[in-house]
């Protein structure tokens, strides 16, 4: 069985790519290359699914919005 997840990918100040899965709290990983990042996040998702017994089908991805605030 196959299941798809939305993954947010960012780059930190040290140049590492960081991936997180919004529907799976605590599910994230990092890598220096995007190819390795994708493999690592797949492994992280599998591990997180083993831990999370709750359903991940209750949220629908709508999109991302960049918001600026004055600080």
C-alpha atoms as a PDB file:
ATOM      1  CA  UNK A   1       0.000   0.000   0.000  1.00  0.00           C
ATOM      2  CA  UNK A   2       1.253   3.469  -0.870  1.00  0.00           C
ATOM      3  CA  UNK A   3       0.431   6.712   0.929  1.00  0.00           C
ATOM      4  CA  UNK A   4       1.510  10.255   0.061  1.00  0.00           C
ATOM      5  CA  UNK A   5       2.608  12.942   2.503  1.00  0.00           C
ATOM      6  CA  UNK A   6       3.335  16.632   2.085  1.00  0.00           C
ATOM      7  CA  UNK A   7       6.935  17.420   3.013  1.00  0.00           C
ATOM      8  CA  UNK A   8       8.275  20.904   3.727  1.00  0.00           C
ATOM      9  CA  UNK A   9      11.904  21.351   2.635  1.00  0.00           C
ATOM     10  CA  UNK A  10      14.036  24.251   3.836  1.00  0.00           C
ATOM     11  CA  UNK A  11      17.755  25.054   3.867  1.00  0.00           C
ATOM     12  CA  UNK A  12      19.464  26.141   7.090  1.00  0.00           C
ATOM     13  CA  UNK A  13      22.305  28.628   7.504  1.00  0.00           C
ATOM     14  CA  UNK A  14      24.911  25.836   7.343  1.00  0.00           C
ATOM     15  CA  UNK A  15      23.633  24.669   3.940  1.00  0.00           C
ATOM     16  CA  UNK A  16      21.819  21.557   5.187  1.00  0.00           C
ATOM     17  CA  UNK A  17      18.435  20.700   3.706  1.00  0.00           C
ATOM     18  CA  UNK A  18      15.803  20.111   6.381  1.00  0.00           C
ATOM     19  CA  UNK A  19      12.580  18.189   5.720  1.00  0.00           C
ATOM     20  CA  UNK A  20       9.515  17.971   7.949  1.00  0.00           C
ATOM     21  CA  UNK A  21       6.101  16.354   7.586  1.00  0.00           C
ATOM     22  CA  UNK A  22       3.310  18.568   8.978  1.00  0.00           C
ATOM     23  CA  UNK A  23       0.855  15.658   9.413  1.00  0.00           C
ATOM     24  CA  UNK A  24       3.352  13.702  11.523  1.00  0.00           C
ATOM     25  CA  UNK A  25       4.508  15.787  14.496  1.00  0.00           C
ATOM     26  CA  UNK A  26       8.214  15.277  15.184  1.00  0.00           C
ATOM     27  CA  UNK A  27       8.856  13.744  11.776  1.00  0.00           C
ATOM     28  CA  UNK A  28      11.863  15.516  10.334  1.00  0.00           C
ATOM     29  CA  UNK A  29      15.409  14.940   9.099  1.00  0.00           C
ATOM     30  CA  UNK A  30      18.316  16.747   7.449  1.00  0.00           C
ATOM     31  CA  UNK A  31      20.988  16.145   4.833  1.00  0.00           C
ATOM     32  CA  UNK A  32      23.579  17.953   2.712  1.00  0.00           C
ATOM     33  CA  UNK A  33      21.963  16.736  -0.560  1.00  0.00           C
ATOM     34  CA  UNK A  34      18.360  16.670  -1.752  1.00  0.00           C
ATOM     35  CA  UNK A  35      18.620  13.077  -3.005  1.00  0.00           C
ATOM     36  CA  UNK A  36      19.769  11.853   0.396  1.00  0.00           C
ATOM     37  CA  UNK A  37      17.155  14.040   2.104  1.00  0.00           C
ATOM     38  CA  UNK A  38      14.330  12.329   0.190  1.00  0.00           C
ATOM     39  CA  UNK A  39      15.600   8.882   1.178  1.00  0.00           C
ATOM     40  CA  UNK A  40      15.967   9.965   4.811  1.00  0.00           C
ATOM     41  CA  UNK A  41      12.489  11.519   5.020  1.00  0.00           C
ATOM     42  CA  UNK A  42      10.954   8.341   3.590  1.00  0.00           C
ATOM     43  CA  UNK A  43      12.672   6.361   6.359  1.00  0.00           C
ATOM     44  CA  UNK A  44      11.538   8.927   8.944  1.00  0.00           C
ATOM     45  CA  UNK A  45       7.929   8.717   7.726  1.00  0.00           C
ATOM     46  CA  UNK A  46       7.920   4.930   8.042  1.00  0.00           C
ATOM     47  CA  UNK A  47       9.297   5.159  11.582  1.00  0.00           C
ATOM     48  CA  UNK A  48       6.850   7.892  12.568  1.00  0.00           C
ATOM     49  CA  UNK A  49       3.916   5.870  11.232  1.00  0.00           C
ATOM     50  CA  UNK A  50       4.973   2.984  13.457  1.00  0.00           C
ATOM     51  CA  UNK A  51       4.859   5.296  16.489  1.00  0.00           C
ATOM     52  CA  UNK A  52       1.763   7.354  15.647  1.00  0.00           C
ATOM     53  CA  UNK A  53      -1.372   5.284  15.965  1.00  0.00           C
ATOM     54  CA  UNK A  54      -3.586   8.286  15.173  1.00  0.00           C
ATOM     55  CA  UNK A  55      -5.002   8.807  11.717  1.00  0.00           C
ATOM     56  CA  UNK A  56      -3.179  11.227   9.431  1.00  0.00           C
ATOM     57  CA  UNK A  57      -6.142  11.558   7.055  1.00  0.00           C
ATOM     58  CA  UNK A  58      -7.918  14.315   8.993  1.00  0.00           C
ATOM     59  CA  UNK A  59      -5.923  17.221   7.491  1.00  0.00           C
ATOM     60  CA  UNK A  60      -6.000  18.404   3.896  1.00  0.00           C
ATOM     61  CA  UNK A  61      -2.982  20.314   2.580  1.00  0.00           C
ATOM     62  CA  UNK A  62      -4.087  23.710   1.271  1.00  0.00           C
ATOM     63  CA  UNK A  63      -0.812  25.483   0.624  1.00  0.00           C
ATOM     64  CA  UNK A  64       1.972  27.587   2.063  1.00  0.00           C
ATOM     65  CA  UNK A  65       1.865  31.294   2.707  1.00  0.00           C
ATOM     66  CA  UNK A  66       4.873  33.479   3.478  1.00  0.00           C
ATOM     67  CA  UNK A  67       3.928  36.140   6.026  1.00  0.00           C
ATOM     68  CA  UNK A  68       6.054  39.151   6.976  1.00  0.00           C
ATOM     69  CA  UNK A  69       5.905  40.718  10.436  1.00  0.00           C
ATOM     70  CA  UNK A  70       7.728  43.754  11.771  1.00  0.00           C
ATOM     71  CA  UNK A  71       9.914  42.988  14.764  1.00  0.00           C
END
